[in-house]
mmCIF file of all heavy atoms, coordinates in Angstrom:
data_MODEL
# 
_entry.id   MODEL 
# 
loop_
_atom_site.group_PDB 
_atom_site.id 
_atom_site.type_symbol 
_atom_site.label_atom_id 
_atom_site.label_alt_id 
_atom_site.label_comp_id 
_atom_site.label_asym_id 
_atom_site.label_entity_id 
_atom_site.label_seq_id 
_atom_site.pdbx_PDB_ins_code 
_atom_site.Cartn_x 
_atom_site.Cartn_y 
_atom_site.Cartn_z 
_atom_site.occupancy 
_atom_site.B_iso_or_equiv 
_atom_site.pdbx_formal_charge 
_atom_site.auth_seq_id 
_atom_site.auth_comp_id 
_atom_site.auth_asym_id 
_atom_site.auth_atom_id 
_atom_site.pdbx_PDB_model_num 
ATOM 1   N N   . SER A 1 1  ? 139.791 128.896 81.032 1.00 0.00 ? 1  SER A N   1 
ATOM 2   C CA  . SER A 1 1  ? 140.223 130.254 81.311 1.00 0.00 ? 1  SER A CA  1 
ATOM 3   C C   . SER A 1 1  ? 140.199 131.020 79.995 1.00 0.00 ? 1  SER A C   1 
ATOM 4   O O   . SER A 1 1  ? 140.657 130.508 78.967 1.00 0.00 ? 1  SER A O   1 
ATOM 5   C CB  . SER A 1 1  ? 141.632 130.248 81.912 1.00 0.00 ? 1  SER A CB  1 
ATOM 6   O OG  . SER A 1 1  ? 141.961 131.536 82.362 1.00 0.00 ? 1  SER A OG  1 
ATOM 7   N N   . THR A 1 2  ? 139.651 132.225 80.030 1.00 0.00 ? 2  THR A N   1 
ATOM 8   C CA  . THR A 1 2  ? 139.509 133.025 78.823 1.00 0.00 ? 2  THR A CA  1 
ATOM 9   C C   . THR A 1 2  ? 139.512 134.499 79.187 1.00 0.00 ? 2  THR A C   1 
ATOM 10  O O   . THR A 1 2  ? 139.366 134.858 80.357 1.00 0.00 ? 2  THR A O   1 
ATOM 11  C CB  . THR A 1 2  ? 138.218 132.648 78.067 1.00 0.00 ? 2  THR A CB  1 
ATOM 12  O OG1 . THR A 1 2  ? 138.202 133.284 76.799 1.00 0.00 ? 2  THR A OG1 1 
ATOM 13  C CG2 . THR A 1 2  ? 136.974 133.055 78.852 1.00 0.00 ? 2  THR A CG2 1 
ATOM 14  N N   . ASP A 1 3  ? 139.650 135.351 78.181 1.00 0.00 ? 3  ASP A N   1 
ATOM 15  C CA  . ASP A 1 3  ? 139.492 136.789 78.416 1.00 0.00 ? 3  ASP A CA  1 
ATOM 16  C C   . ASP A 1 3  ? 138.052 137.035 78.856 1.00 0.00 ? 3  ASP A C   1 
ATOM 17  O O   . ASP A 1 3  ? 137.121 136.445 78.308 1.00 0.00 ? 3  ASP A O   1 
ATOM 18  C CB  . ASP A 1 3  ? 139.772 137.590 77.145 1.00 0.00 ? 3  ASP A CB  1 
ATOM 19  C CG  . ASP A 1 3  ? 141.241 137.571 76.753 1.00 0.00 ? 3  ASP A CG  1 
ATOM 20  O OD1 . ASP A 1 3  ? 142.078 137.262 77.615 1.00 0.00 ? 3  ASP A OD1 1 
ATOM 21  O OD2 . ASP A 1 3  ? 141.531 137.868 75.587 1.00 0.00 ? 3  ASP A OD2 1 
ATOM 22  N N   . PHE A 1 4  ? 137.890 137.888 79.852 1.00 0.00 ? 4  PHE A N   1 
ATOM 23  C CA  . PHE A 1 4  ? 136.557 138.215 80.349 1.00 0.00 ? 4  PHE A CA  1 
ATOM 24  C C   . PHE A 1 4  ? 135.912 139.207 79.393 1.00 0.00 ? 4  PHE A C   1 
ATOM 25  O O   . PHE A 1 4  ? 136.442 140.282 79.147 1.00 0.00 ? 4  PHE A O   1 
ATOM 26  C CB  . PHE A 1 4  ? 136.647 138.801 81.759 1.00 0.00 ? 4  PHE A CB  1 
ATOM 27  C CG  . PHE A 1 4  ? 135.330 139.162 82.354 1.00 0.00 ? 4  PHE A CG  1 
ATOM 28  C CD1 . PHE A 1 4  ? 134.368 138.198 82.587 1.00 0.00 ? 4  PHE A CD1 1 
ATOM 29  C CD2 . PHE A 1 4  ? 135.046 140.471 82.684 1.00 0.00 ? 4  PHE A CD2 1 
ATOM 30  C CE1 . PHE A 1 4  ? 133.140 138.524 83.137 1.00 0.00 ? 4  PHE A CE1 1 
ATOM 31  C CE2 . PHE A 1 4  ? 133.833 140.815 83.243 1.00 0.00 ? 4  PHE A CE2 1 
ATOM 32  C CZ  . PHE A 1 4  ? 132.880 139.833 83.472 1.00 0.00 ? 4  PHE A CZ  1 
ATOM 33  N N   . GLY A 1 5  ? 134.772 138.840 78.838 1.00 0.00 ? 5  GLY A N   1 
ATOM 34  C CA  . GLY A 1 5  ? 134.091 139.660 77.840 1.00 0.00 ? 5  GLY A CA  1 
ATOM 35  C C   . GLY A 1 5  ? 133.304 140.818 78.416 1.00 0.00 ? 5  GLY A C   1 
ATOM 36  O O   . GLY A 1 5  ? 133.020 141.780 77.713 1.00 0.00 ? 5  GLY A O   1 
ATOM 37  N N   . GLY A 1 6  ? 132.927 140.735 79.682 1.00 0.00 ? 6  GLY A N   1 
ATOM 38  C CA  . GLY A 1 6  ? 132.177 141.809 80.308 1.00 0.00 ? 6  GLY A CA  1 
ATOM 39  C C   . GLY A 1 6  ? 131.000 141.294 81.112 1.00 0.00 ? 6  GLY A C   1 
ATOM 40  O O   . GLY A 1 6  ? 130.582 140.146 80.988 1.00 0.00 ? 6  GLY A O   1 
ATOM 41  N N   . TRP A 1 7  ? 130.484 142.175 81.957 1.00 0.00 ? 7  TRP A N   1 
ATOM 42  C CA  . TRP A 1 7  ? 129.324 141.847 82.790 1.00 0.00 ? 7  TRP A CA  1 
ATOM 43  C C   . TRP A 1 7  ? 128.120 141.647 81.874 1.00 0.00 ? 7  TRP A C   1 
ATOM 44  O O   . TRP A 1 7  ? 127.982 142.314 80.863 1.00 0.00 ? 7  TRP A O   1 
ATOM 45  C CB  . TRP A 1 7  ? 129.056 142.967 83.802 1.00 0.00 ? 7  TRP A CB  1 
ATOM 46  C CG  . TRP A 1 7  ? 130.295 143.388 84.530 1.00 0.00 ? 7  TRP A CG  1 
ATOM 47  C CD1 . TRP A 1 7  ? 130.918 144.592 84.431 1.00 0.00 ? 7  TRP A CD1 1 
ATOM 48  C CD2 . TRP A 1 7  ? 131.092 142.613 85.426 1.00 0.00 ? 7  TRP A CD2 1 
ATOM 49  N NE1 . TRP A 1 7  ? 132.047 144.621 85.214 1.00 0.00 ? 7  TRP A NE1 1 
ATOM 50  C CE2 . TRP A 1 7  ? 132.176 143.416 85.844 1.00 0.00 ? 7  TRP A CE2 1 
ATOM 51  C CE3 . TRP A 1 7  ? 130.998 141.322 85.916 1.00 0.00 ? 7  TRP A CE3 1 
ATOM 52  C CZ2 . TRP A 1 7  ? 133.148 142.967 86.728 1.00 0.00 ? 7  TRP A CZ2 1 
ATOM 53  C CZ3 . TRP A 1 7  ? 131.975 140.876 86.803 1.00 0.00 ? 7  TRP A CZ3 1 
ATOM 54  C CH2 . TRP A 1 7  ? 133.023 141.697 87.201 1.00 0.00 ? 7  TRP A CH2 1 
ATOM 55  N N   . GLN A 1 8  ? 127.258 140.748 82.230 1.00 0.00 ? 8  GLN A N   1 
ATOM 56  C CA  . GLN A 1 8  ? 126.026 140.424 81.518 1.00 0.00 ? 8  GLN A CA  1 
ATOM 57  C C   . GLN A 1 8  ? 126.255 139.646 80.221 1.00 0.00 ? 8  GLN A C   1 
ATOM 58  O O   . GLN A 1 8  ? 125.308 139.267 79.567 1.00 0.00 ? 8  GLN A O   1 
ATOM 59  C CB  . GLN A 1 8  ? 125.193 141.678 81.214 1.00 0.00 ? 8  GLN A CB  1 
ATOM 60  C CG  . GLN A 1 8  ? 124.765 142.478 82.412 1.00 0.00 ? 8  GLN A CG  1 
ATOM 61  C CD  . GLN A 1 8  ? 123.771 141.729 83.291 1.00 0.00 ? 8  GLN A CD  1 
ATOM 62  O OE1 . GLN A 1 8  ? 123.079 140.824 82.857 1.00 0.00 ? 8  GLN A OE1 1 
ATOM 63  N NE2 . GLN A 1 8  ? 123.713 142.117 84.557 1.00 0.00 ? 8  GLN A NE2 1 
ATOM 64  N N   . LEU A 1 9  ? 127.497 139.408 79.830 1.00 0.00 ? 9  LEU A N   1 
ATOM 65  C CA  . LEU A 1 9  ? 127.788 138.656 78.610 1.00 0.00 ? 9  LEU A CA  1 
ATOM 66  C C   . LEU A 1 9  ? 127.829 137.166 78.941 1.00 0.00 ? 9  LEU A C   1 
ATOM 67  O O   . LEU A 1 9  ? 128.418 136.776 79.947 1.00 0.00 ? 9  LEU A O   1 
ATOM 68  C CB  . LEU A 1 9  ? 129.132 139.081 78.022 1.00 0.00 ? 9  LEU A CB  1 
ATOM 69  C CG  . LEU A 1 9  ? 129.567 138.318 76.786 1.00 0.00 ? 9  LEU A CG  1 
ATOM 70  C CD1 . LEU A 1 9  ? 128.766 138.795 75.578 1.00 0.00 ? 9  LEU A CD1 1 
ATOM 71  C CD2 . LEU A 1 9  ? 131.042 138.512 76.535 1.00 0.00 ? 9  LEU A CD2 1 
ATOM 72  N N   . THR A 1 10 ? 127.218 136.356 78.108 1.00 0.00 ? 10 THR A N   1 
ATOM 73  C CA  . THR A 1 10 ? 127.269 134.918 78.314 1.00 0.00 ? 10 THR A CA  1 
ATOM 74  C C   . THR A 1 10 ? 128.555 134.374 77.694 1.00 0.00 ? 10 THR A C   1 
ATOM 75  O O   . THR A 1 10 ? 128.783 134.523 76.500 1.00 0.00 ? 10 THR A O   1 
ATOM 76  C CB  . THR A 1 10 ? 126.047 134.224 77.688 1.00 0.00 ? 10 THR A CB  1 
ATOM 77  O OG1 . THR A 1 10 ? 124.857 134.736 78.301 1.00 0.00 ? 10 THR A OG1 1 
ATOM 78  C CG2 . THR A 1 10 ? 126.105 132.719 77.887 1.00 0.00 ? 10 THR A CG2 1 
ATOM 79  N N   . HIS A 1 11 ? 129.380 133.772 78.526 1.00 0.00 ? 11 HIS A N   1 
ATOM 80  C CA  . HIS A 1 11 ? 130.612 133.130 78.063 1.00 0.00 ? 11 HIS A CA  1 
ATOM 81  C C   . HIS A 1 11 ? 130.287 131.671 77.786 1.00 0.00 ? 11 HIS A C   1 
ATOM 82  O O   . HIS A 1 11 ? 129.575 131.029 78.556 1.00 0.00 ? 11 HIS A O   1 
ATOM 83  C CB  . HIS A 1 11 ? 131.698 133.240 79.136 1.00 0.00 ? 11 HIS A CB  1 
ATOM 84  C CG  . HIS A 1 11 ? 132.148 134.633 79.378 1.00 0.00 ? 11 HIS A CG  1 
ATOM 85  N ND1 . HIS A 1 11 ? 131.412 135.527 80.136 1.00 0.00 ? 11 HIS A ND1 1 
ATOM 86  C CD2 . HIS A 1 11 ? 133.235 135.308 78.942 1.00 0.00 ? 11 HIS A CD2 1 
ATOM 87  C CE1 . HIS A 1 11 ? 132.047 136.687 80.154 1.00 0.00 ? 11 HIS A CE1 1 
ATOM 88  N NE2 . HIS A 1 11 ? 133.154 136.579 79.439 1.00 0.00 ? 11 HIS A NE2 1 
ATOM 89  N N   . ARG A 1 12 ? 130.811 131.143 76.692 1.00 0.00 ? 12 ARG A N   1 
ATOM 90  C CA  . ARG A 1 12 ? 130.540 129.760 76.301 1.00 0.00 ? 12 ARG A CA  1 
ATOM 91  C C   . ARG A 1 12 ? 131.847 128.971 76.252 1.00 0.00 ? 12 ARG A C   1 
ATOM 92  O O   . ARG A 1 12 ? 132.838 129.446 75.722 1.00 0.00 ? 12 ARG A O   1 
ATOM 93  C CB  . ARG A 1 12 ? 129.859 129.730 74.940 1.00 0.00 ? 12 ARG A CB  1 
ATOM 94  C CG  . ARG A 1 12 ? 128.469 130.308 74.980 1.00 0.00 ? 12 ARG A CG  1 
ATOM 95  C CD  . ARG A 1 12 ? 127.885 130.445 73.572 1.00 0.00 ? 12 ARG A CD  1 
ATOM 96  N NE  . ARG A 1 12 ? 126.522 130.938 73.599 1.00 0.00 ? 12 ARG A NE  1 
ATOM 97  C CZ  . ARG A 1 12 ? 126.199 132.204 73.732 1.00 0.00 ? 12 ARG A CZ  1 
ATOM 98  N NH1 . ARG A 1 12 ? 127.127 133.123 73.840 1.00 0.00 ? 12 ARG A NH1 1 
ATOM 99  N NH2 . ARG A 1 12 ? 124.935 132.568 73.755 1.00 0.00 ? 12 ARG A NH2 1 
ATOM 100 N N   . PHE A 1 13 ? 131.786 127.768 76.804 1.00 0.00 ? 13 PHE A N   1 
ATOM 101 C CA  . PHE A 1 13 ? 132.956 126.896 76.847 1.00 0.00 ? 13 PHE A CA  1 
ATOM 102 C C   . PHE A 1 13 ? 132.568 125.529 76.302 1.00 0.00 ? 13 PHE A C   1 
ATOM 103 O O   . PHE A 1 13 ? 131.541 124.976 76.688 1.00 0.00 ? 13 PHE A O   1 
ATOM 104 C CB  . PHE A 1 13 ? 133.462 126.728 78.284 1.00 0.00 ? 13 PHE A CB  1 
ATOM 105 C CG  . PHE A 1 13 ? 133.791 128.028 78.958 1.00 0.00 ? 13 PHE A CG  1 
ATOM 106 C CD1 . PHE A 1 13 ? 132.866 128.655 79.780 1.00 0.00 ? 13 PHE A CD1 1 
ATOM 107 C CD2 . PHE A 1 13 ? 135.025 128.620 78.767 1.00 0.00 ? 13 PHE A CD2 1 
ATOM 108 C CE1 . PHE A 1 13 ? 133.163 129.850 80.404 1.00 0.00 ? 13 PHE A CE1 1 
ATOM 109 C CE2 . PHE A 1 13 ? 135.341 129.824 79.395 1.00 0.00 ? 13 PHE A CE2 1 
ATOM 110 C CZ  . PHE A 1 13 ? 134.404 130.438 80.212 1.00 0.00 ? 13 PHE A CZ  1 
ATOM 111 N N   . LEU A 1 14 ? 133.392 124.980 75.421 1.00 0.00 ? 14 LEU A N   1 
ATOM 112 C CA  . LEU A 1 14 ? 133.173 123.644 74.894 1.00 0.00 ? 14 LEU A CA  1 
ATOM 113 C C   . LEU A 1 14 ? 133.743 122.642 75.888 1.00 0.00 ? 14 LEU A C   1 
ATOM 114 O O   . LEU A 1 14 ? 134.909 122.719 76.272 1.00 0.00 ? 14 LEU A O   1 
ATOM 115 C CB  . LEU A 1 14 ? 133.858 123.477 73.533 1.00 0.00 ? 14 LEU A CB  1 
ATOM 116 C CG  . LEU A 1 14 ? 133.784 122.082 72.918 1.00 0.00 ? 14 LEU A CG  1 
ATOM 117 C CD1 . LEU A 1 14 ? 132.315 121.698 72.656 1.00 0.00 ? 14 LEU A CD1 1 
ATOM 118 C CD2 . LEU A 1 14 ? 134.590 122.024 71.636 1.00 0.00 ? 14 LEU A CD2 1 
ATOM 119 N N   . VAL A 1 15 ? 132.918 121.699 76.295 1.00 0.00 ? 15 VAL A N   1 
ATOM 120 C CA  . VAL A 1 15 ? 133.333 120.670 77.246 1.00 0.00 ? 15 VAL A CA  1 
ATOM 121 C C   . VAL A 1 15 ? 134.084 119.583 76.479 1.00 0.00 ? 15 VAL A C   1 
ATOM 122 O O   . VAL A 1 15 ? 133.545 119.000 75.542 1.00 0.00 ? 15 VAL A O   1 
ATOM 123 C CB  . VAL A 1 15 ? 132.111 120.075 77.979 1.00 0.00 ? 15 VAL A CB  1 
ATOM 124 C CG1 . VAL A 1 15 ? 132.541 118.961 78.913 1.00 0.00 ? 15 VAL A CG1 1 
ATOM 125 C CG2 . VAL A 1 15 ? 131.360 121.166 78.731 1.00 0.00 ? 15 VAL A CG2 1 
ATOM 126 N N   . GLU A 1 16 ? 135.327 119.338 76.875 1.00 0.00 ? 16 GLU A N   1 
ATOM 127 C CA  . GLU A 1 16 ? 136.150 118.329 76.199 1.00 0.00 ? 16 GLU A CA  1 
ATOM 128 C C   . GLU A 1 16 ? 136.330 117.061 77.024 1.00 0.00 ? 16 GLU A C   1 
ATOM 129 O O   . GLU A 1 16 ? 136.682 116.022 76.478 1.00 0.00 ? 16 GLU A O   1 
ATOM 130 C CB  . GLU A 1 16 ? 137.508 118.925 75.842 1.00 0.00 ? 16 GLU A CB  1 
ATOM 131 C CG  . GLU A 1 16 ? 137.376 120.049 74.824 1.00 0.00 ? 16 GLU A CG  1 
ATOM 132 C CD  . GLU A 1 16 ? 138.705 120.676 74.461 1.00 0.00 ? 16 GLU A CD  1 
ATOM 133 O OE1 . GLU A 1 16 ? 139.755 120.264 75.008 1.00 0.00 ? 16 GLU A OE1 1 
ATOM 134 O OE2 . GLU A 1 16 ? 138.690 121.581 73.622 1.00 0.00 ? 16 GLU A OE2 1 
ATOM 135 N N   . SER A 1 17 ? 136.116 117.142 78.345 1.00 0.00 ? 17 SER A N   1 
ATOM 136 C CA  . SER A 1 17 ? 136.229 115.988 79.238 1.00 0.00 ? 17 SER A CA  1 
ATOM 137 C C   . SER A 1 17 ? 135.105 116.047 80.256 1.00 0.00 ? 17 SER A C   1 
ATOM 138 O O   . SER A 1 17 ? 134.610 117.128 80.573 1.00 0.00 ? 17 SER A O   1 
ATOM 139 C CB  . SER A 1 17 ? 137.567 116.015 79.987 1.00 0.00 ? 17 SER A CB  1 
ATOM 140 O OG  . SER A 1 17 ? 138.642 115.997 79.096 1.00 0.00 ? 17 SER A OG  1 
ATOM 141 N N   . ARG A 1 18 ? 134.731 114.905 80.779 1.00 0.00 ? 18 ARG A N   1 
ATOM 142 C CA  . ARG A 1 18 ? 133.712 114.889 81.830 1.00 0.00 ? 18 ARG A CA  1 
ATOM 143 C C   . ARG A 1 18 ? 134.203 115.738 83.001 1.00 0.00 ? 18 ARG A C   1 
ATOM 144 O O   . ARG A 1 18 ? 135.339 115.590 83.447 1.00 0.00 ? 18 ARG A O   1 
ATOM 145 C CB  . ARG A 1 18 ? 133.432 113.466 82.299 1.00 0.00 ? 18 ARG A CB  1 
ATOM 146 C CG  . ARG A 1 18 ? 132.772 112.617 81.253 1.00 0.00 ? 18 ARG A CG  1 
ATOM 147 C CD  . ARG A 1 18 ? 132.502 111.217 81.785 1.00 0.00 ? 18 ARG A CD  1 
ATOM 148 N NE  . ARG A 1 18 ? 131.863 110.412 80.776 1.00 0.00 ? 18 ARG A NE  1 
ATOM 149 C CZ  . ARG A 1 18 ? 130.548 110.366 80.581 1.00 0.00 ? 18 ARG A CZ  1 
ATOM 150 N NH1 . ARG A 1 18 ? 129.748 111.061 81.344 1.00 0.00 ? 18 ARG A NH1 1 
ATOM 151 N NH2 . ARG A 1 18 ? 130.042 109.614 79.632 1.00 0.00 ? 18 ARG A NH2 1 
ATOM 152 N N   . CYS A 1 19 ? 133.331 116.630 83.472 1.00 0.00 ? 19 CYS A N   1 
ATOM 153 C CA  . CYS A 1 19 ? 133.741 117.531 84.549 1.00 0.00 ? 19 CYS A CA  1 
ATOM 154 C C   . CYS A 1 19 ? 132.516 118.068 85.280 1.00 0.00 ? 19 CYS A C   1 
ATOM 155 O O   . CYS A 1 19 ? 131.387 117.916 84.822 1.00 0.00 ? 19 CYS A O   1 
ATOM 156 C CB  . CYS A 1 19 ? 134.572 118.689 84.003 1.00 0.00 ? 19 CYS A CB  1 
ATOM 157 S SG  . CYS A 1 19 ? 133.684 119.735 82.828 1.00 0.00 ? 19 CYS A SG  1 
ATOM 158 N N   . THR A 1 20 ? 132.776 118.707 86.413 1.00 0.00 ? 20 THR A N   1 
ATOM 159 C CA  . THR A 1 20 ? 131.741 119.366 87.198 1.00 0.00 ? 20 THR A CA  1 
ATOM 160 C C   . THR A 1 20 ? 132.268 120.734 87.608 1.00 0.00 ? 20 THR A C   1 
ATOM 161 O O   . THR A 1 20 ? 133.113 120.839 88.504 1.00 0.00 ? 20 THR A O   1 
ATOM 162 C CB  . THR A 1 20 ? 131.391 118.552 88.460 1.00 0.00 ? 20 THR A CB  1 
ATOM 163 O OG1 . THR A 1 20 ? 131.032 117.232 88.076 1.00 0.00 ? 20 THR A OG1 1 
ATOM 164 C CG2 . THR A 1 20 ? 130.235 119.189 89.220 1.00 0.00 ? 20 THR A CG2 1 
ATOM 165 N N   . PRO A 1 21 ? 131.813 121.813 86.955 1.00 0.00 ? 21 PRO A N   1 
ATOM 166 C CA  . PRO A 1 21 ? 132.231 123.161 87.349 1.00 0.00 ? 21 PRO A CA  1 
ATOM 167 C C   . PRO A 1 21 ? 131.719 123.476 88.753 1.00 0.00 ? 21 PRO A C   1 
ATOM 168 O O   . PRO A 1 21 ? 130.602 123.094 89.110 1.00 0.00 ? 21 PRO A O   1 
ATOM 169 C CB  . PRO A 1 21 ? 131.561 124.070 86.320 1.00 0.00 ? 21 PRO A CB  1 
ATOM 170 C CG  . PRO A 1 21 ? 131.088 123.180 85.229 1.00 0.00 ? 21 PRO A CG  1 
ATOM 171 C CD  . PRO A 1 21 ? 130.905 121.824 85.820 1.00 0.00 ? 21 PRO A CD  1 
ATOM 172 N N   . ARG A 1 22 ? 132.533 124.178 89.552 1.00 0.00 ? 22 ARG A N   1 
ATOM 173 C CA  . ARG A 1 22 ? 132.145 124.506 90.926 1.00 0.00 ? 22 ARG A CA  1 
ATOM 174 C C   . ARG A 1 22 ? 132.117 126.002 91.204 1.00 0.00 ? 22 ARG A C   1 
ATOM 175 O O   . ARG A 1 22 ? 131.265 126.482 91.917 1.00 0.00 ? 22 ARG A O   1 
ATOM 176 C CB  . ARG A 1 22 ? 133.116 123.836 91.914 1.00 0.00 ? 22 ARG A CB  1 
ATOM 177 C CG  . ARG A 1 22 ? 133.135 122.338 91.840 1.00 0.00 ? 22 ARG A CG  1 
ATOM 178 C CD  . ARG A 1 22 ? 131.890 121.715 92.346 1.00 0.00 ? 22 ARG A CD  1 
ATOM 179 N NE  . ARG A 1 22 ? 131.817 122.027 93.774 1.00 0.00 ? 22 ARG A NE  1 
ATOM 180 C CZ  . ARG A 1 22 ? 130.733 121.918 94.506 1.00 0.00 ? 22 ARG A CZ  1 
ATOM 181 N NH1 . ARG A 1 22 ? 129.634 121.519 93.990 1.00 0.00 ? 22 ARG A NH1 1 
ATOM 182 N NH2 . ARG A 1 22 ? 130.750 122.223 95.770 1.00 0.00 ? 22 ARG A NH2 1 
ATOM 183 N N   . ARG A 1 23 ? 133.096 126.729 90.661 1.00 0.00 ? 23 ARG A N   1 
ATOM 184 C CA  . ARG A 1 23 ? 133.138 128.167 90.952 1.00 0.00 ? 23 ARG A CA  1 
ATOM 185 C C   . ARG A 1 23 ? 133.894 128.898 89.845 1.00 0.00 ? 23 ARG A C   1 
ATOM 186 O O   . ARG A 1 23 ? 134.522 128.275 89.005 1.00 0.00 ? 23 ARG A O   1 
ATOM 187 C CB  . ARG A 1 23 ? 133.752 128.444 92.313 1.00 0.00 ? 23 ARG A CB  1 
ATOM 188 C CG  . ARG A 1 23 ? 135.123 127.891 92.519 1.00 0.00 ? 23 ARG A CG  1 
ATOM 189 C CD  . ARG A 1 23 ? 135.570 127.966 93.992 1.00 0.00 ? 23 ARG A CD  1 
ATOM 190 N NE  . ARG A 1 23 ? 136.886 127.379 94.120 1.00 0.00 ? 23 ARG A NE  1 
ATOM 191 C CZ  . ARG A 1 23 ? 138.028 128.022 93.915 1.00 0.00 ? 23 ARG A CZ  1 
ATOM 192 N NH1 . ARG A 1 23 ? 138.011 129.303 93.608 1.00 0.00 ? 23 ARG A NH1 1 
ATOM 193 N NH2 . ARG A 1 23 ? 139.187 127.415 94.031 1.00 0.00 ? 23 ARG A NH2 1 
ATOM 194 N N   . TYR A 1 24 ? 133.809 130.221 89.889 1.00 0.00 ? 24 TYR A N   1 
ATOM 195 C CA  . TYR A 1 24 ? 134.489 131.054 88.898 1.00 0.00 ? 24 TYR A CA  1 
ATOM 196 C C   . TYR A 1 24 ? 135.177 132.221 89.604 1.00 0.00 ? 24 TYR A C   1 
ATOM 197 O O   . TYR A 1 24 ? 134.839 132.560 90.735 1.00 0.00 ? 24 TYR A O   1 
ATOM 198 C CB  . TYR A 1 24 ? 133.506 131.602 87.845 1.00 0.00 ? 24 TYR A CB  1 
ATOM 199 C CG  . TYR A 1 24 ? 132.555 132.620 88.424 1.00 0.00 ? 24 TYR A CG  1 
ATOM 200 C CD1 . TYR A 1 24 ? 132.895 133.974 88.456 1.00 0.00 ? 24 TYR A CD1 1 
ATOM 201 C CD2 . TYR A 1 24 ? 131.340 132.244 88.981 1.00 0.00 ? 24 TYR A CD2 1 
ATOM 202 C CE1 . TYR A 1 24 ? 132.044 134.907 89.019 1.00 0.00 ? 24 TYR A CE1 1 
ATOM 203 C CE2 . TYR A 1 24 ? 130.486 133.175 89.535 1.00 0.00 ? 24 TYR A CE2 1 
ATOM 204 C CZ  . TYR A 1 24 ? 130.840 134.497 89.552 1.00 0.00 ? 24 TYR A CZ  1 
ATOM 205 O OH  . TYR A 1 24 ? 130.008 135.425 90.121 1.00 0.00 ? 24 TYR A OH  1 
ATOM 206 N N   . VAL A 1 25 ? 136.128 132.815 88.900 1.00 0.00 ? 25 VAL A N   1 
ATOM 207 C CA  . VAL A 1 25 ? 136.765 134.041 89.381 1.00 0.00 ? 25 VAL A CA  1 
ATOM 208 C C   . VAL A 1 25 ? 137.084 134.914 88.172 1.00 0.00 ? 25 VAL A C   1 
ATOM 209 O O   . VAL A 1 25 ? 137.491 134.415 87.135 1.00 0.00 ? 25 VAL A O   1 
ATOM 210 C CB  . VAL A 1 25 ? 138.028 133.759 90.232 1.00 0.00 ? 25 VAL A CB  1 
ATOM 211 C CG1 . VAL A 1 25 ? 139.120 133.102 89.417 1.00 0.00 ? 25 VAL A CG1 1 
ATOM 212 C CG2 . VAL A 1 25 ? 138.541 135.023 90.889 1.00 0.00 ? 25 VAL A CG2 1 
ATOM 213 N N   . VAL A 1 26 ? 136.830 136.208 88.318 1.00 0.00 ? 26 VAL A N   1 
ATOM 214 C CA  . VAL A 1 26 ? 137.209 137.202 87.316 1.00 0.00 ? 26 VAL A CA  1 
ATOM 215 C C   . VAL A 1 26 ? 138.312 138.015 87.962 1.00 0.00 ? 26 VAL A C   1 
ATOM 216 O O   . VAL A 1 26 ? 138.126 138.558 89.049 1.00 0.00 ? 26 VAL A O   1 
ATOM 217 C CB  . VAL A 1 26 ? 136.021 138.125 86.948 1.00 0.00 ? 26 VAL A CB  1 
ATOM 218 C CG1 . VAL A 1 26 ? 136.470 139.203 85.982 1.00 0.00 ? 26 VAL A CG1 1 
ATOM 219 C CG2 . VAL A 1 26 ? 134.864 137.312 86.373 1.00 0.00 ? 26 VAL A CG2 1 
# 
């Protein structure tokens, strides 16, 4: 979870544990 930077901006997240992203919400 992070501050939303804006439409068309690529958000980057460092993976710290094995996971499978499924969906997002702004």
